[in-house]
Amino acid sequence: MTTYLKPAAMMLFLLTLVTGAAYPALVTVLAQALFSEQANGSLIKNQQGQPIGSELIGQTFSEPKYFWSRPSATGPYGYNAVASSGSNLGPTNPALTDAVAARIQALKDADHGNHSPVPVDLVTASGSGLDPHISVAAAEYQIKRVAKVRKINEATLRELVDAHTEGRQWLVFGEPRVNVLRLNLALDRASR
């Protein structure tokens, strides 16, 4: 029996050393050396170098002077990375219908003169509930409200949205999108 236990224990020790220590250490060193920004959370920092968010996790913006993010289904305060998930409510579920109707009403209340169709990503949560981006259509929908509240020319604001529009990933995947945190930070800088 000891003839089987000794090699098994030795393999357990070696594999634990390789997969539990050496490999994670190697990956960590390579990530820090080659992709430091991404390995540390893709943090966005303010002028003083303090982190104020990540470009990978959305934040809630509810003041009319800001572009609003996509709703989050991760909890009452939104964008809780620990609770990342969608709402799992189907299209015929009355709770989803009521939530979407309330979000549409909130958008209409914040911008009475806007009679354009509301882009779907402004009233529905993403699968992760953490999406930091909105569609270009969702950003354009909000331009009139933000321009009016901040007393900024709509054309200037449209240029700011265009400057913060990211293209398809690797020119193939997804659709053009706007990172809401980056756009709102640029908006604050432009409004000074």
N, C-alpha and C. Protein backbone atom coordinates (compact mmCIF):
# COMPACT_ATOMS: atom_id res chain seq x y z
N MET A 1 0.82 -1.20 0.00
CA MET A 1 0.00 0.00 0.00
C MET A 1 0.86 1.26 0.00
N THR A 2 1.96 1.25 0.74
CA THR A 2 2.85 2.41 0.75
C THR A 2 3.50 2.62 -0.59
N THR A 3 3.57 1.59 -1.39
CA THR A 3 4.16 1.75 -2.73
C THR A 3 3.25 2.60 -3.61
N TYR A 4 1.96 2.63 -3.31
CA TYR A 4 1.02 3.47 -4.06
C TYR A 4 0.88 4.86 -3.44
N LEU A 5 0.94 4.93 -2.13
CA LEU A 5 0.74 6.21 -1.45
C LEU A 5 1.88 7.18 -1.68
N LYS A 6 3.11 6.67 -1.65
CA LYS A 6 4.27 7.56 -1.81
C LYS A 6 4.26 8.27 -3.18
N PRO A 7 4.09 7.57 -4.31
CA PRO A 7 4.03 8.28 -5.60
C PRO A 7 2.81 9.21 -5.71
N ALA A 8 1.68 8.78 -5.13
CA ALA A 8 0.48 9.62 -5.18
C ALA A 8 0.70 10.91 -4.39
N ALA A 9 1.28 10.80 -3.22
CA ALA A 9 1.56 11.98 -2.40
C ALA A 9 2.57 12.89 -3.11
N MET A 10 3.57 12.29 -3.75
CA MET A 10 4.58 13.08 -4.47
C MET A 10 3.93 13.82 -5.65
N MET A 11 3.04 13.15 -6.40
CA MET A 11 2.35 13.80 -7.51
C MET A 11 1.44 14.92 -7.01
N LEU A 12 0.74 14.67 -5.91
CA LEU A 12 -0.11 15.71 -5.32
C LEU A 12 0.73 16.93 -4.95
N PHE A 13 1.86 16.70 -4.32
CA PHE A 13 2.74 17.81 -3.93
C PHE A 13 3.25 18.56 -5.16
N LEU A 14 3.72 17.84 -6.17
CA LEU A 14 4.27 18.48 -7.38
C LEU A 14 3.19 19.24 -8.14
N LEU A 15 2.02 18.64 -8.32
CA LEU A 15 0.96 19.33 -9.04
C LEU A 15 0.44 20.54 -8.26
N THR A 16 0.39 20.42 -6.94
CA THR A 16 0.01 21.57 -6.13
C THR A 16 1.02 22.69 -6.29
N LEU A 17 2.29 22.35 -6.30
CA LEU A 17 3.35 23.34 -6.48
C LEU A 17 3.25 24.00 -7.86
N VAL A 18 3.05 23.19 -8.90
CA VAL A 18 3.01 23.73 -10.26
C VAL A 18 1.72 24.52 -10.50
N THR A 19 0.57 23.91 -10.23
CA THR A 19 -0.70 24.56 -10.57
C THR A 19 -1.19 25.53 -9.50
N GLY A 20 -0.73 25.38 -8.28
CA GLY A 20 -1.20 26.24 -7.20
C GLY A 20 -0.27 27.38 -6.86
N ALA A 21 0.99 27.28 -7.28
CA ALA A 21 1.95 28.34 -6.94
C ALA A 21 2.70 28.86 -8.17
N ALA A 22 3.39 27.97 -8.88
CA ALA A 22 4.25 28.41 -9.99
C ALA A 22 3.44 29.03 -11.13
N TYR A 23 2.39 28.36 -11.59
CA TYR A 23 1.60 28.88 -12.70
C TYR A 23 0.92 30.20 -12.35
N PRO A 24 0.21 30.31 -11.21
CA PRO A 24 -0.39 31.61 -10.88
C PRO A 24 0.64 32.72 -10.73
N ALA A 25 1.80 32.40 -10.18
CA ALA A 25 2.85 33.42 -10.03
C ALA A 25 3.35 33.87 -11.40
N LEU A 26 3.55 32.92 -12.31
CA LEU A 26 4.01 33.26 -13.67
C LEU A 26 2.97 34.13 -14.39
N VAL A 27 1.71 33.74 -14.32
CA VAL A 27 0.65 34.50 -14.98
C VAL A 27 0.54 35.91 -14.39
N THR A 28 0.67 36.03 -13.07
CA THR A 28 0.60 37.33 -12.42
C THR A 28 1.75 38.23 -12.87
N VAL A 29 2.96 37.69 -12.91
CA VAL A 29 4.13 38.47 -13.33
C VAL A 29 3.97 38.91 -14.79
N LEU A 30 3.56 37.99 -15.66
CA LEU A 30 3.37 38.34 -17.07
C LEU A 30 2.26 39.38 -17.24
N ALA A 31 1.16 39.21 -16.53
CA ALA A 31 0.06 40.17 -16.64
C ALA A 31 0.50 41.56 -16.18
N GLN A 32 1.21 41.64 -15.08
CA GLN A 32 1.68 42.94 -14.59
C GLN A 32 2.69 43.56 -15.55
N ALA A 33 3.53 42.74 -16.17
CA ALA A 33 4.54 43.26 -17.08
C ALA A 33 3.95 43.67 -18.43
N LEU A 34 3.02 42.87 -18.96
CA LEU A 34 2.52 43.12 -20.31
C LEU A 34 1.20 43.89 -20.36
N PHE A 35 0.34 43.69 -19.36
CA PHE A 35 -0.99 44.30 -19.36
C PHE A 35 -1.30 44.89 -18.00
N SER A 36 -0.46 45.74 -17.53
CA SER A 36 -0.58 46.26 -16.16
C SER A 36 -1.93 46.94 -15.91
N GLU A 37 -2.36 47.79 -16.82
CA GLU A 37 -3.62 48.51 -16.63
C GLU A 37 -4.80 47.55 -16.52
N GLN A 38 -4.88 46.59 -17.43
CA GLN A 38 -5.98 45.64 -17.42
C GLN A 38 -5.90 44.71 -16.21
N ALA A 39 -4.69 44.28 -15.84
CA ALA A 39 -4.52 43.37 -14.71
C ALA A 39 -4.92 44.03 -13.39
N ASN A 40 -4.89 45.34 -13.35
CA ASN A 40 -5.23 46.06 -12.13
C ASN A 40 -6.65 46.63 -12.17
N GLY A 41 -7.49 46.14 -13.08
CA GLY A 41 -8.90 46.50 -13.06
C GLY A 41 -9.32 47.57 -14.05
N SER A 42 -8.46 47.98 -14.96
CA SER A 42 -8.80 49.02 -15.94
C SER A 42 -9.40 50.24 -15.25
N LEU A 43 -8.71 50.71 -14.23
CA LEU A 43 -9.21 51.82 -13.41
C LEU A 43 -9.14 53.14 -14.15
N ILE A 44 -10.14 53.96 -13.91
CA ILE A 44 -10.17 55.33 -14.41
C ILE A 44 -9.87 56.21 -13.21
N LYS A 45 -8.90 57.11 -13.37
CA LYS A 45 -8.47 57.95 -12.25
C LYS A 45 -8.79 59.41 -12.52
N ASN A 46 -8.99 60.16 -11.44
CA ASN A 46 -9.25 61.58 -11.58
C ASN A 46 -7.93 62.34 -11.74
N GLN A 47 -8.01 63.66 -11.76
CA GLN A 47 -6.82 64.51 -11.96
C GLN A 47 -5.76 64.30 -10.89
N GLN A 48 -6.20 63.92 -9.68
CA GLN A 48 -5.27 63.72 -8.57
C GLN A 48 -4.72 62.30 -8.53
N GLY A 49 -5.11 61.45 -9.48
CA GLY A 49 -4.64 60.07 -9.53
C GLY A 49 -5.43 59.10 -8.67
N GLN A 50 -6.55 59.56 -8.12
CA GLN A 50 -7.39 58.70 -7.30
C GLN A 50 -8.33 57.90 -8.20
N PRO A 51 -8.47 56.59 -7.96
CA PRO A 51 -9.41 55.82 -8.78
C PRO A 51 -10.86 56.23 -8.50
N ILE A 52 -11.63 56.42 -9.58
CA ILE A 52 -13.03 56.81 -9.42
C ILE A 52 -13.96 55.81 -10.07
N GLY A 53 -13.41 54.78 -10.67
CA GLY A 53 -14.22 53.75 -11.29
C GLY A 53 -13.39 52.89 -12.21
N SER A 54 -14.05 51.95 -12.83
CA SER A 54 -13.41 51.07 -13.80
C SER A 54 -14.12 51.24 -15.13
N GLU A 55 -13.37 51.13 -16.20
CA GLU A 55 -14.02 51.23 -17.50
C GLU A 55 -14.77 49.94 -17.84
N LEU A 56 -14.69 48.94 -16.96
CA LEU A 56 -15.35 47.66 -17.19
C LEU A 56 -16.63 47.47 -16.40
N ILE A 57 -16.88 48.32 -15.39
CA ILE A 57 -18.07 48.20 -14.55
C ILE A 57 -18.81 49.53 -14.56
N GLY A 58 -20.08 49.48 -14.89
CA GLY A 58 -20.89 50.68 -14.97
C GLY A 58 -21.11 51.34 -13.62
N GLN A 59 -21.59 52.56 -13.67
CA GLN A 59 -21.96 53.32 -12.48
C GLN A 59 -23.31 53.96 -12.71
N THR A 60 -24.00 54.23 -11.63
CA THR A 60 -25.31 54.86 -11.72
C THR A 60 -25.16 56.37 -11.83
N PHE A 61 -25.82 56.94 -12.81
CA PHE A 61 -25.92 58.40 -12.95
C PHE A 61 -27.41 58.71 -13.04
N SER A 62 -27.90 59.56 -12.15
CA SER A 62 -29.34 59.85 -12.17
C SER A 62 -29.64 61.34 -12.29
N GLU A 63 -28.61 62.18 -12.20
CA GLU A 63 -28.85 63.62 -12.35
C GLU A 63 -29.05 63.94 -13.83
N PRO A 64 -29.98 64.83 -14.14
CA PRO A 64 -30.26 65.17 -15.55
C PRO A 64 -29.06 65.76 -16.29
N LYS A 65 -28.08 66.29 -15.57
CA LYS A 65 -26.93 66.90 -16.24
C LYS A 65 -25.92 65.87 -16.74
N TYR A 66 -26.16 64.59 -16.45
CA TYR A 66 -25.27 63.51 -16.89
C TYR A 66 -25.99 62.58 -17.86
N PHE A 67 -25.19 61.91 -18.68
CA PHE A 67 -25.73 60.83 -19.48
C PHE A 67 -26.00 59.66 -18.53
N TRP A 68 -27.15 59.04 -18.69
CA TRP A 68 -27.53 57.95 -17.81
C TRP A 68 -27.03 56.63 -18.37
N SER A 69 -26.68 55.75 -17.46
CA SER A 69 -26.18 54.43 -17.83
C SER A 69 -27.33 53.48 -18.10
N ARG A 70 -26.98 52.32 -18.56
CA ARG A 70 -27.95 51.25 -18.73
C ARG A 70 -28.37 50.78 -17.34
N PRO A 71 -29.65 50.47 -17.14
CA PRO A 71 -30.08 50.00 -15.82
C PRO A 71 -29.35 48.72 -15.41
N SER A 72 -29.21 48.52 -14.12
CA SER A 72 -28.56 47.33 -13.59
C SER A 72 -29.56 46.53 -12.78
N ALA A 73 -29.50 45.22 -12.91
CA ALA A 73 -30.38 44.34 -12.15
C ALA A 73 -29.66 43.72 -10.96
N THR A 74 -28.55 44.31 -10.54
CA THR A 74 -27.72 43.69 -9.50
C THR A 74 -28.10 44.12 -8.09
N GLY A 75 -29.12 44.89 -7.93
CA GLY A 75 -29.53 45.29 -6.59
C GLY A 75 -30.13 46.68 -6.59
N PRO A 76 -30.59 47.12 -5.43
CA PRO A 76 -31.28 48.41 -5.37
C PRO A 76 -30.38 49.60 -5.70
N TYR A 77 -29.08 49.48 -5.49
CA TYR A 77 -28.16 50.60 -5.76
C TYR A 77 -27.46 50.44 -7.09
N GLY A 78 -27.62 49.32 -7.74
CA GLY A 78 -27.07 49.10 -9.07
C GLY A 78 -25.57 48.88 -9.10
N TYR A 79 -25.14 48.16 -10.10
CA TYR A 79 -23.74 47.91 -10.41
C TYR A 79 -22.96 47.30 -9.25
N ASN A 80 -23.55 46.32 -8.59
CA ASN A 80 -22.90 45.57 -7.53
C ASN A 80 -22.21 44.38 -8.17
N ALA A 81 -20.89 44.44 -8.29
CA ALA A 81 -20.14 43.39 -8.99
C ALA A 81 -20.26 42.04 -8.30
N VAL A 82 -20.52 42.02 -7.02
CA VAL A 82 -20.67 40.76 -6.30
C VAL A 82 -21.95 40.04 -6.74
N ALA A 83 -22.95 40.78 -7.13
CA ALA A 83 -24.24 40.22 -7.51
C ALA A 83 -24.45 40.24 -9.02
N SER A 84 -23.39 40.12 -9.78
CA SER A 84 -23.48 40.21 -11.23
C SER A 84 -24.42 39.15 -11.80
N SER A 85 -25.48 39.64 -12.42
CA SER A 85 -26.43 38.77 -13.11
C SER A 85 -27.53 39.62 -13.72
N GLY A 86 -28.29 39.01 -14.58
CA GLY A 86 -29.46 39.68 -15.12
C GLY A 86 -30.64 39.46 -14.19
N SER A 87 -31.76 40.00 -14.54
CA SER A 87 -32.94 39.85 -13.69
C SER A 87 -33.63 38.51 -13.91
N ASN A 88 -33.37 37.87 -15.04
CA ASN A 88 -34.01 36.61 -15.43
C ASN A 88 -35.53 36.74 -15.57
N LEU A 89 -36.01 37.94 -15.78
CA LEU A 89 -37.44 38.15 -16.01
C LEU A 89 -37.70 38.02 -17.51
N GLY A 90 -38.69 37.22 -17.86
CA GLY A 90 -39.03 37.02 -19.26
C GLY A 90 -39.86 38.16 -19.81
N PRO A 91 -40.00 38.25 -21.13
CA PRO A 91 -40.71 39.37 -21.75
C PRO A 91 -42.19 39.44 -21.40
N THR A 92 -42.78 38.36 -20.93
CA THR A 92 -44.19 38.40 -20.55
C THR A 92 -44.39 38.58 -19.05
N ASN A 93 -43.31 38.70 -18.32
CA ASN A 93 -43.40 38.86 -16.87
C ASN A 93 -43.87 40.28 -16.54
N PRO A 94 -44.92 40.43 -15.76
CA PRO A 94 -45.43 41.77 -15.43
C PRO A 94 -44.40 42.63 -14.68
N ALA A 95 -43.51 42.01 -13.91
CA ALA A 95 -42.49 42.79 -13.19
C ALA A 95 -41.54 43.48 -14.17
N LEU A 96 -41.16 42.78 -15.24
CA LEU A 96 -40.30 43.38 -16.25
C LEU A 96 -41.05 44.48 -17.00
N THR A 97 -42.28 44.21 -17.37
CA THR A 97 -43.10 45.20 -18.08
C THR A 97 -43.24 46.47 -17.24
N ASP A 98 -43.51 46.30 -15.95
CA ASP A 98 -43.67 47.45 -15.05
C ASP A 98 -42.35 48.21 -14.89
N ALA A 99 -41.24 47.48 -14.75
CA ALA A 99 -39.94 48.13 -14.60
C ALA A 99 -39.58 48.93 -15.84
N VAL A 100 -39.80 48.36 -17.02
CA VAL A 100 -39.50 49.07 -18.27
C VAL A 100 -40.39 50.29 -18.40
N ALA A 101 -41.67 50.17 -18.08
CA ALA A 101 -42.59 51.31 -18.16
C ALA A 101 -42.16 52.43 -17.22
N ALA A 102 -41.72 52.06 -16.01
CA ALA A 102 -41.26 53.07 -15.05
C ALA A 102 -39.99 53.76 -15.55
N ARG A 103 -39.09 53.00 -16.16
CA ARG A 103 -37.85 53.60 -16.68
C ARG A 103 -38.14 54.53 -17.86
N ILE A 104 -39.07 54.13 -18.71
CA ILE A 104 -39.46 55.00 -19.83
C ILE A 104 -40.06 56.29 -19.29
N GLN A 105 -40.92 56.18 -18.28
CA GLN A 105 -41.54 57.36 -17.69
C GLN A 105 -40.50 58.28 -17.06
N ALA A 106 -39.51 57.70 -16.39
CA ALA A 106 -38.44 58.51 -15.77
C ALA A 106 -37.66 59.27 -16.84
N LEU A 107 -37.39 58.62 -17.97
CA LEU A 107 -36.69 59.30 -19.07
C LEU A 107 -37.55 60.41 -19.65
N LYS A 108 -38.82 60.17 -19.82
CA LYS A 108 -39.73 61.19 -20.37
C LYS A 108 -39.89 62.35 -19.38
N ASP A 109 -39.95 62.04 -18.08
CA ASP A 109 -40.08 63.10 -17.07
C ASP A 109 -38.84 63.99 -17.02
N ALA A 110 -37.68 63.40 -17.27
CA ALA A 110 -36.43 64.17 -17.23
C ALA A 110 -36.25 65.02 -18.49
N ASP A 111 -36.96 64.67 -19.57
CA ASP A 111 -36.80 65.38 -20.84
C ASP A 111 -38.16 65.46 -21.53
N HIS A 112 -38.99 66.41 -21.06
CA HIS A 112 -40.38 66.51 -21.53
C HIS A 112 -40.51 66.71 -23.03
N GLY A 113 -39.59 67.41 -23.64
CA GLY A 113 -39.71 67.73 -25.06
C GLY A 113 -39.24 66.64 -25.98
N ASN A 114 -38.67 65.58 -25.45
CA ASN A 114 -38.12 64.52 -26.29
C ASN A 114 -39.20 63.49 -26.59
N HIS A 115 -39.61 63.43 -27.86
CA HIS A 115 -40.64 62.48 -28.27
C HIS A 115 -40.06 61.35 -29.13
N SER A 116 -38.74 61.24 -29.15
CA SER A 116 -38.09 60.17 -29.91
C SER A 116 -38.34 58.83 -29.22
N PRO A 117 -38.28 57.75 -29.98
CA PRO A 117 -38.41 56.43 -29.36
C PRO A 117 -37.24 56.19 -28.39
N VAL A 118 -37.53 55.61 -27.25
CA VAL A 118 -36.50 55.36 -26.24
C VAL A 118 -35.70 54.13 -26.65
N PRO A 119 -34.37 54.25 -26.75
CA PRO A 119 -33.55 53.08 -27.08
C PRO A 119 -33.68 52.00 -25.99
N VAL A 120 -33.74 50.77 -26.44
CA VAL A 120 -34.02 49.66 -25.53
C VAL A 120 -32.97 49.52 -24.42
N ASP A 121 -31.72 49.88 -24.71
CA ASP A 121 -30.69 49.69 -23.68
C ASP A 121 -30.79 50.73 -22.55
N LEU A 122 -31.62 51.73 -22.69
CA LEU A 122 -31.83 52.67 -21.58
C LEU A 122 -32.91 52.19 -20.61
N VAL A 123 -33.63 51.15 -20.99
CA VAL A 123 -34.73 50.68 -20.12
C VAL A 123 -34.64 49.21 -19.74
N THR A 124 -33.64 48.49 -20.27
CA THR A 124 -33.45 47.08 -19.92
C THR A 124 -32.03 46.86 -19.43
N ALA A 125 -31.88 45.96 -18.48
CA ALA A 125 -30.56 45.64 -17.95
C ALA A 125 -29.85 44.64 -18.86
N SER A 126 -28.53 44.64 -18.80
CA SER A 126 -27.76 43.68 -19.58
C SER A 126 -27.71 42.34 -18.84
N GLY A 127 -27.16 41.33 -19.47
CA GLY A 127 -27.06 40.01 -18.87
C GLY A 127 -26.23 40.00 -17.60
N SER A 128 -25.18 40.80 -17.53
CA SER A 128 -24.34 40.84 -16.34
C SER A 128 -24.85 41.84 -15.31
N GLY A 129 -25.59 42.84 -15.78
CA GLY A 129 -26.04 43.90 -14.89
C GLY A 129 -24.96 44.91 -14.59
N LEU A 130 -23.81 44.80 -15.24
CA LEU A 130 -22.66 45.67 -14.95
C LEU A 130 -22.19 46.46 -16.16
N ASP A 131 -22.94 46.44 -17.22
CA ASP A 131 -22.52 47.03 -18.49
C ASP A 131 -22.17 48.51 -18.34
N PRO A 132 -20.91 48.90 -18.66
CA PRO A 132 -20.50 50.30 -18.54
C PRO A 132 -20.83 51.12 -19.79
N HIS A 133 -21.35 50.49 -20.82
CA HIS A 133 -21.58 51.16 -22.10
C HIS A 133 -23.06 51.31 -22.39
N ILE A 134 -23.35 52.30 -23.22
CA ILE A 134 -24.67 52.43 -23.83
C ILE A 134 -24.46 52.52 -25.33
N SER A 135 -25.50 52.29 -26.07
CA SER A 135 -25.41 52.39 -27.53
C SER A 135 -25.26 53.86 -27.92
N VAL A 136 -24.82 54.06 -29.14
CA VAL A 136 -24.71 55.43 -29.66
C VAL A 136 -26.10 56.06 -29.70
N ALA A 137 -27.12 55.27 -30.05
CA ALA A 137 -28.49 55.77 -30.09
C ALA A 137 -28.95 56.23 -28.70
N ALA A 138 -28.55 55.50 -27.66
CA ALA A 138 -28.92 55.87 -26.29
C ALA A 138 -28.24 57.17 -25.88
N ALA A 139 -27.00 57.36 -26.30
CA ALA A 139 -26.31 58.62 -26.00
C ALA A 139 -26.96 59.77 -26.75
N GLU A 140 -27.27 59.56 -28.03
CA GLU A 140 -27.90 60.61 -28.83
C GLU A 140 -29.28 60.97 -28.29
N TYR A 141 -30.00 59.99 -27.78
CA TYR A 141 -31.32 60.25 -27.20
C TYR A 141 -31.22 61.24 -26.04
N GLN A 142 -30.12 61.21 -25.30
CA GLN A 142 -29.96 62.03 -24.11
C GLN A 142 -29.31 63.39 -24.36
N ILE A 143 -28.83 63.64 -25.57
CA ILE A 143 -28.10 64.87 -25.87
C ILE A 143 -28.93 66.12 -25.58
N LYS A 144 -30.18 66.15 -26.00
CA LYS A 144 -31.01 67.35 -25.78
C LYS A 144 -31.15 67.68 -24.30
N ARG A 145 -31.43 66.65 -23.49
CA ARG A 145 -31.60 66.87 -22.05
C ARG A 145 -30.32 67.40 -21.41
N VAL A 146 -29.20 66.76 -21.70
CA VAL A 146 -27.94 67.17 -21.09
C VAL A 146 -27.54 68.57 -21.58
N ALA A 147 -27.72 68.84 -22.87
CA ALA A 147 -27.38 70.16 -23.41
C ALA A 147 -28.22 71.25 -22.77
N LYS A 148 -29.51 70.97 -22.57
CA LYS A 148 -30.41 71.95 -21.97
C LYS A 148 -30.03 72.23 -20.51
N VAL A 149 -29.77 71.18 -19.74
CA VAL A 149 -29.45 71.35 -18.33
C VAL A 149 -28.10 72.04 -18.15
N ARG A 150 -27.13 71.68 -18.96
CA ARG A 150 -25.78 72.25 -18.83
C ARG A 150 -25.58 73.52 -19.65
N LYS A 151 -26.60 73.88 -20.44
CA LYS A 151 -26.51 75.06 -21.30
C LYS A 151 -25.31 74.96 -22.25
N ILE A 152 -25.21 73.81 -22.90
CA ILE A 152 -24.16 73.54 -23.88
C ILE A 152 -24.84 73.35 -25.23
N ASN A 153 -24.19 73.80 -26.27
CA ASN A 153 -24.68 73.63 -27.62
C ASN A 153 -24.77 72.13 -27.94
N GLU A 154 -25.90 71.72 -28.55
CA GLU A 154 -26.09 70.30 -28.88
C GLU A 154 -25.02 69.79 -29.83
N ALA A 155 -24.58 70.60 -30.76
CA ALA A 155 -23.55 70.17 -31.72
C ALA A 155 -22.24 69.88 -30.99
N THR A 156 -21.91 70.71 -30.02
CA THR A 156 -20.70 70.50 -29.23
C THR A 156 -20.81 69.20 -28.45
N LEU A 157 -21.96 68.96 -27.87
CA LEU A 157 -22.19 67.75 -27.11
C LEU A 157 -22.16 66.52 -28.02
N ARG A 158 -22.70 66.64 -29.22
CA ARG A 158 -22.67 65.52 -30.18
C ARG A 158 -21.22 65.19 -30.56
N GLU A 159 -20.38 66.23 -30.69
CA GLU A 159 -18.96 66.00 -30.98
C GLU A 159 -18.28 65.26 -29.83
N LEU A 160 -18.66 65.60 -28.61
CA LEU A 160 -18.12 64.92 -27.43
C LEU A 160 -18.53 63.45 -27.42
N VAL A 161 -19.78 63.17 -27.76
CA VAL A 161 -20.25 61.78 -27.84
C VAL A 161 -19.48 61.05 -28.93
N ASP A 162 -19.33 61.68 -30.09
CA ASP A 162 -18.58 61.05 -31.19
C ASP A 162 -17.15 60.74 -30.79
N ALA A 163 -16.53 61.66 -30.05
CA ALA A 163 -15.14 61.46 -29.62
C ALA A 163 -15.02 60.31 -28.63
N HIS A 164 -16.10 59.99 -27.92
CA HIS A 164 -16.05 58.91 -26.93
C HIS A 164 -16.77 57.64 -27.39
N THR A 165 -17.06 57.57 -28.67
CA THR A 165 -17.68 56.37 -29.23
C THR A 165 -16.58 55.38 -29.58
N GLU A 166 -16.71 54.19 -29.03
CA GLU A 166 -15.77 53.10 -29.31
C GLU A 166 -16.34 52.25 -30.42
N GLY A 167 -15.48 51.82 -31.34
CA GLY A 167 -15.93 50.98 -32.44
C GLY A 167 -16.11 49.53 -32.04
N ARG A 168 -16.39 48.72 -33.01
CA ARG A 168 -16.55 47.29 -32.77
C ARG A 168 -15.22 46.71 -32.25
N GLN A 169 -15.34 45.70 -31.38
CA GLN A 169 -14.14 45.07 -30.86
C GLN A 169 -13.48 44.27 -31.97
N TRP A 170 -12.22 44.52 -32.20
CA TRP A 170 -11.43 43.90 -33.26
C TRP A 170 -12.09 44.08 -34.62
N LEU A 171 -12.82 45.19 -34.79
CA LEU A 171 -13.49 45.56 -36.03
C LEU A 171 -14.60 44.60 -36.45
N VAL A 172 -14.95 43.62 -35.61
CA VAL A 172 -15.92 42.60 -35.99
C VAL A 172 -17.03 42.44 -34.96
N PHE A 173 -16.68 42.35 -33.68
CA PHE A 173 -17.64 41.96 -32.65
C PHE A 173 -18.36 43.16 -32.04
N GLY A 174 -19.65 42.99 -31.81
CA GLY A 174 -20.45 44.00 -31.14
C GLY A 174 -20.82 45.16 -32.03
N GLU A 175 -21.30 46.19 -31.40
CA GLU A 175 -21.73 47.40 -32.07
C GLU A 175 -20.97 48.59 -31.49
N PRO A 176 -20.89 49.71 -32.20
CA PRO A 176 -20.28 50.90 -31.60
C PRO A 176 -21.00 51.25 -30.30
N ARG A 177 -20.23 51.72 -29.33
CA ARG A 177 -20.79 51.97 -28.00
C ARG A 177 -20.06 53.13 -27.35
N VAL A 178 -20.66 53.64 -26.26
CA VAL A 178 -20.11 54.78 -25.54
C VAL A 178 -19.94 54.39 -24.07
N ASN A 179 -18.73 54.57 -23.53
CA ASN A 179 -18.50 54.32 -22.11
C ASN A 179 -19.04 55.52 -21.35
N VAL A 180 -20.06 55.29 -20.52
CA VAL A 180 -20.78 56.38 -19.87
C VAL A 180 -19.90 57.13 -18.87
N LEU A 181 -19.10 56.43 -18.09
CA LEU A 181 -18.24 57.10 -17.12
C LEU A 181 -17.24 58.00 -17.82
N ARG A 182 -16.58 57.50 -18.84
CA ARG A 182 -15.61 58.33 -19.58
C ARG A 182 -16.29 59.55 -20.20
N LEU A 183 -17.47 59.35 -20.78
CA LEU A 183 -18.20 60.46 -21.39
C LEU A 183 -18.59 61.51 -20.35
N ASN A 184 -19.08 61.08 -19.20
CA ASN A 184 -19.49 62.03 -18.18
C ASN A 184 -18.29 62.78 -17.57
N LEU A 185 -17.16 62.11 -17.45
CA LEU A 185 -15.95 62.80 -16.97
C LEU A 185 -15.50 63.86 -17.98
N ALA A 186 -15.55 63.52 -19.27
CA ALA A 186 -15.20 64.50 -20.30
C ALA A 186 -16.21 65.66 -20.30
N LEU A 187 -17.46 65.34 -20.05
CA LEU A 187 -18.49 66.36 -19.99
C LEU A 187 -18.24 67.33 -18.83
N ASP A 188 -17.85 66.80 -17.68
CA ASP A 188 -17.50 67.67 -16.55
C ASP A 188 -16.30 68.55 -16.86
N ARG A 189 -15.30 67.99 -17.53
CA ARG A 189 -14.12 68.79 -17.90
C ARG A 189 -14.49 69.88 -18.90
N ALA A 190 -15.36 69.57 -19.84
CA ALA A 190 -15.77 70.55 -20.87
C ALA A 190 -16.66 71.63 -20.29
N SER A 191 -17.35 71.34 -19.21
CA SER A 191 -18.30 72.32 -18.62
C SER A 191 -17.62 73.28 -17.66
N ARG A 192 -16.37 73.11 -17.39
CA ARG A 192 -15.69 74.01 -16.43
C ARG A 192 -15.44 75.35 -17.02
